[in-house]
Amino acid sequence: MARVEIYTKFTCGYCARAKSLLSGKGITFEEYDITMGGEKRSEMLARANGRTTVPQIFIDDHHVGGSDDLAALDRRGKLDPLLGL
């Protein structure tokens, strides 16, 4: 199965939606809470080409984007192959 990483903030509805979609597929993921900024926020900015919104989602180090991008991949049938399902 693919390695999934997701950068989130506390009380972020889009983050909850993305995590729910992944969990519903039985996918475990590494979650990095950047609510208070810090090292992980800087890491996210570098990996996501400066995108500042959350969530930012990576599958096997490939930047997927945010919650809407993840949902769009799922609707097009392209998410499951990325996840190794």
N, C-alpha and C. Protein backbone atom coordinates (compact mmCIF):
# COMPACT_ATOMS: atom_id res chain seq x y z
N MET A 1 0.83 -1.19 0.00
CA MET A 1 0.00 0.00 0.00
C MET A 1 0.88 1.26 0.00
N ALA A 2 0.34 2.33 -0.50
CA ALA A 2 1.07 3.58 -0.63
C ALA A 2 1.27 4.26 0.72
N ARG A 3 2.32 5.07 0.80
CA ARG A 3 2.56 5.91 1.98
C ARG A 3 1.81 7.22 1.76
N VAL A 4 0.92 7.54 2.69
CA VAL A 4 0.10 8.76 2.58
C VAL A 4 0.44 9.68 3.73
N GLU A 5 0.70 10.94 3.40
CA GLU A 5 0.99 11.97 4.39
C GLU A 5 0.00 13.11 4.17
N ILE A 6 -0.47 13.68 5.29
CA ILE A 6 -1.43 14.77 5.20
C ILE A 6 -1.11 15.82 6.26
N TYR A 7 -0.96 17.06 5.80
CA TYR A 7 -0.71 18.19 6.69
C TYR A 7 -2.06 18.83 7.01
N THR A 8 -2.35 19.00 8.30
CA THR A 8 -3.66 19.47 8.73
C THR A 8 -3.54 20.57 9.78
N LYS A 9 -4.69 21.18 10.08
CA LYS A 9 -4.83 22.13 11.20
C LYS A 9 -6.06 21.74 12.01
N PHE A 10 -6.01 22.08 13.28
CA PHE A 10 -7.11 21.80 14.20
C PHE A 10 -8.39 22.47 13.70
N THR A 11 -9.49 21.79 13.77
CA THR A 11 -10.84 22.24 13.37
C THR A 11 -10.98 22.58 11.88
N CYS A 12 -10.16 21.99 11.05
CA CYS A 12 -10.24 22.21 9.60
C CYS A 12 -11.23 21.22 9.00
N GLY A 13 -12.34 21.73 8.48
CA GLY A 13 -13.35 20.88 7.88
C GLY A 13 -12.87 20.14 6.64
N TYR A 14 -12.07 20.81 5.82
CA TYR A 14 -11.53 20.17 4.62
C TYR A 14 -10.58 19.04 4.99
N CYS A 15 -9.83 19.24 6.08
CA CYS A 15 -8.93 18.19 6.57
C CYS A 15 -9.73 16.97 7.01
N ALA A 16 -10.80 17.23 7.75
CA ALA A 16 -11.66 16.13 8.23
C ALA A 16 -12.25 15.37 7.04
N ARG A 17 -12.65 16.09 6.01
CA ARG A 17 -13.24 15.45 4.82
C ARG A 17 -12.21 14.56 4.12
N ALA A 18 -10.99 15.06 3.96
CA ALA A 18 -9.94 14.27 3.30
C ALA A 18 -9.59 13.03 4.13
N LYS A 19 -9.47 13.21 5.43
CA LYS A 19 -9.14 12.07 6.30
C LYS A 19 -10.27 11.04 6.28
N SER A 20 -11.50 11.49 6.22
CA SER A 20 -12.64 10.59 6.17
C SER A 20 -12.64 9.77 4.88
N LEU A 21 -12.35 10.42 3.77
CA LEU A 21 -12.29 9.71 2.50
C LEU A 21 -11.22 8.63 2.54
N LEU A 22 -10.04 8.97 3.05
CA LEU A 22 -8.94 8.01 3.13
C LEU A 22 -9.27 6.87 4.09
N SER A 23 -9.79 7.22 5.26
CA SER A 23 -10.14 6.21 6.26
C SER A 23 -11.22 5.27 5.74
N GLY A 24 -12.18 5.81 4.98
CA GLY A 24 -13.24 5.01 4.40
C GLY A 24 -12.73 3.97 3.42
N LYS A 25 -11.54 4.21 2.87
CA LYS A 25 -10.93 3.25 1.97
C LYS A 25 -9.97 2.31 2.71
N GLY A 26 -9.92 2.47 4.04
CA GLY A 26 -9.04 1.62 4.85
C GLY A 26 -7.58 2.05 4.81
N ILE A 27 -7.33 3.28 4.43
CA ILE A 27 -5.97 3.79 4.30
C ILE A 27 -5.51 4.41 5.61
N THR A 28 -4.34 4.02 6.06
CA THR A 28 -3.73 4.69 7.20
C THR A 28 -2.81 5.77 6.64
N PHE A 29 -2.65 6.83 7.40
CA PHE A 29 -1.86 7.95 6.91
C PHE A 29 -1.10 8.59 8.07
N GLU A 30 -0.02 9.27 7.71
CA GLU A 30 0.73 10.05 8.67
C GLU A 30 0.16 11.46 8.64
N GLU A 31 -0.25 11.94 9.80
CA GLU A 31 -0.85 13.27 9.88
C GLU A 31 0.10 14.21 10.61
N TYR A 32 0.32 15.37 10.01
CA TYR A 32 1.18 16.39 10.60
C TYR A 32 0.32 17.61 10.90
N ASP A 33 0.12 17.89 12.17
CA ASP A 33 -0.68 19.04 12.60
C ASP A 33 0.20 20.28 12.60
N ILE A 34 -0.14 21.23 11.74
CA ILE A 34 0.67 22.45 11.63
C ILE A 34 -0.08 23.67 12.18
N THR A 35 -1.04 23.43 13.08
CA THR A 35 -1.83 24.52 13.64
C THR A 35 -0.93 25.61 14.23
N MET A 36 0.10 25.21 14.92
CA MET A 36 0.98 26.17 15.59
C MET A 36 2.20 26.54 14.73
N GLY A 37 2.18 26.15 13.47
CA GLY A 37 3.30 26.49 12.58
C GLY A 37 4.48 25.57 12.82
N GLY A 38 5.66 26.13 12.82
CA GLY A 38 6.86 25.38 13.13
C GLY A 38 7.48 24.66 11.95
N GLU A 39 8.33 23.71 12.29
CA GLU A 39 9.14 22.98 11.32
C GLU A 39 8.30 22.25 10.27
N LYS A 40 7.24 21.60 10.70
CA LYS A 40 6.40 20.85 9.75
C LYS A 40 5.68 21.78 8.78
N ARG A 41 5.30 22.99 9.23
CA ARG A 41 4.67 23.95 8.32
C ARG A 41 5.66 24.36 7.24
N SER A 42 6.89 24.64 7.64
CA SER A 42 7.93 25.00 6.67
C SER A 42 8.17 23.87 5.69
N GLU A 43 8.17 22.65 6.21
CA GLU A 43 8.34 21.47 5.36
C GLU A 43 7.21 21.38 4.34
N MET A 44 5.97 21.59 4.80
CA MET A 44 4.82 21.54 3.90
C MET A 44 4.93 22.59 2.80
N LEU A 45 5.30 23.81 3.17
CA LEU A 45 5.42 24.88 2.17
C LEU A 45 6.44 24.52 1.10
N ALA A 46 7.53 23.92 1.50
CA ALA A 46 8.57 23.54 0.54
C ALA A 46 8.07 22.40 -0.35
N ARG A 47 7.43 21.41 0.22
CA ARG A 47 6.97 20.26 -0.55
C ARG A 47 5.79 20.60 -1.45
N ALA A 48 4.94 21.53 -1.02
CA ALA A 48 3.71 21.87 -1.76
C ALA A 48 3.90 23.11 -2.63
N ASN A 49 5.13 23.42 -2.96
CA ASN A 49 5.44 24.56 -3.84
C ASN A 49 4.81 25.86 -3.36
N GLY A 50 4.85 26.09 -2.03
CA GLY A 50 4.37 27.35 -1.46
C GLY A 50 2.89 27.40 -1.16
N ARG A 51 2.14 26.35 -1.43
CA ARG A 51 0.70 26.36 -1.10
C ARG A 51 0.56 26.40 0.41
N THR A 52 -0.29 27.30 0.88
CA THR A 52 -0.40 27.55 2.32
C THR A 52 -1.66 26.97 2.94
N THR A 53 -2.60 26.52 2.12
CA THR A 53 -3.86 26.00 2.67
C THR A 53 -3.70 24.55 3.09
N VAL A 54 -4.57 24.13 3.98
CA VAL A 54 -4.59 22.74 4.41
C VAL A 54 -5.94 22.14 4.08
N PRO A 55 -5.98 20.84 3.87
CA PRO A 55 -4.85 19.92 3.94
C PRO A 55 -3.99 19.99 2.68
N GLN A 56 -2.76 19.52 2.83
CA GLN A 56 -1.90 19.23 1.69
C GLN A 56 -1.59 17.75 1.80
N ILE A 57 -1.84 17.03 0.74
CA ILE A 57 -1.79 15.57 0.76
C ILE A 57 -0.72 15.06 -0.21
N PHE A 58 0.03 14.07 0.28
CA PHE A 58 1.09 13.45 -0.52
C PHE A 58 0.89 11.94 -0.50
N ILE A 59 0.98 11.33 -1.66
CA ILE A 59 0.90 9.88 -1.79
C ILE A 59 2.21 9.42 -2.42
N ASP A 60 2.98 8.64 -1.66
CA ASP A 60 4.31 8.20 -2.09
C ASP A 60 5.13 9.38 -2.60
N ASP A 61 5.16 10.44 -1.81
CA ASP A 61 5.92 11.67 -2.09
C ASP A 61 5.41 12.45 -3.30
N HIS A 62 4.31 12.02 -3.90
CA HIS A 62 3.67 12.77 -5.00
C HIS A 62 2.65 13.74 -4.39
N HIS A 63 2.77 15.02 -4.71
CA HIS A 63 1.86 16.02 -4.18
C HIS A 63 0.51 15.93 -4.90
N VAL A 64 -0.51 15.52 -4.14
CA VAL A 64 -1.86 15.39 -4.69
C VAL A 64 -2.57 16.73 -4.67
N GLY A 65 -2.34 17.52 -3.62
CA GLY A 65 -3.01 18.80 -3.44
C GLY A 65 -3.86 18.77 -2.20
N GLY A 66 -5.02 19.42 -2.26
CA GLY A 66 -5.91 19.52 -1.11
C GLY A 66 -7.07 18.54 -1.16
N SER A 67 -8.03 18.79 -0.31
CA SER A 67 -9.20 17.92 -0.17
C SER A 67 -9.99 17.82 -1.47
N ASP A 68 -10.22 18.95 -2.13
CA ASP A 68 -10.97 18.93 -3.39
C ASP A 68 -10.23 18.14 -4.46
N ASP A 69 -8.90 18.27 -4.49
CA ASP A 69 -8.09 17.53 -5.46
C ASP A 69 -8.18 16.03 -5.20
N LEU A 70 -8.14 15.65 -3.92
CA LEU A 70 -8.25 14.24 -3.55
C LEU A 70 -9.60 13.68 -3.97
N ALA A 71 -10.66 14.42 -3.69
CA ALA A 71 -12.02 13.99 -4.05
C ALA A 71 -12.18 13.88 -5.56
N ALA A 72 -11.57 14.81 -6.30
CA ALA A 72 -11.66 14.78 -7.76
C ALA A 72 -10.95 13.53 -8.32
N LEU A 73 -9.80 13.20 -7.75
CA LEU A 73 -9.11 11.98 -8.17
C LEU A 73 -9.99 10.76 -7.93
N ASP A 74 -10.66 10.74 -6.78
CA ASP A 74 -11.53 9.61 -6.45
C ASP A 74 -12.70 9.52 -7.44
N ARG A 75 -13.32 10.64 -7.75
CA ARG A 75 -14.45 10.65 -8.70
C ARG A 75 -14.04 10.15 -10.08
N ARG A 76 -12.81 10.46 -10.49
CA ARG A 76 -12.31 10.05 -11.80
C ARG A 76 -11.77 8.62 -11.81
N GLY A 77 -11.79 7.97 -10.63
CA GLY A 77 -11.29 6.60 -10.55
C GLY A 77 -9.78 6.49 -10.54
N LYS A 78 -9.09 7.59 -10.25
CA LYS A 78 -7.62 7.59 -10.29
C LYS A 78 -6.99 7.51 -8.91
N LEU A 79 -7.80 7.62 -7.86
CA LEU A 79 -7.24 7.59 -6.51
C LEU A 79 -6.84 6.17 -6.08
N ASP A 80 -7.71 5.21 -6.30
CA ASP A 80 -7.42 3.84 -5.86
C ASP A 80 -6.10 3.31 -6.42
N PRO A 81 -5.81 3.49 -7.72
CA PRO A 81 -4.52 3.02 -8.23
C PRO A 81 -3.33 3.71 -7.54
N LEU A 82 -3.46 5.00 -7.25
CA LEU A 82 -2.39 5.71 -6.54
C LEU A 82 -2.16 5.12 -5.16
N LEU A 83 -3.26 4.71 -4.53
CA LEU A 83 -3.18 4.17 -3.17
C LEU A 83 -2.77 2.71 -3.16
N GLY A 84 -2.72 2.10 -4.31
CA GLY A 84 -2.37 0.69 -4.39
C GLY A 84 -3.52 -0.24 -4.02
N LEU A 85 -4.74 0.23 -4.27
CA LEU A 85 -5.92 -0.58 -3.96
C LEU A 85 -6.41 -1.35 -5.18
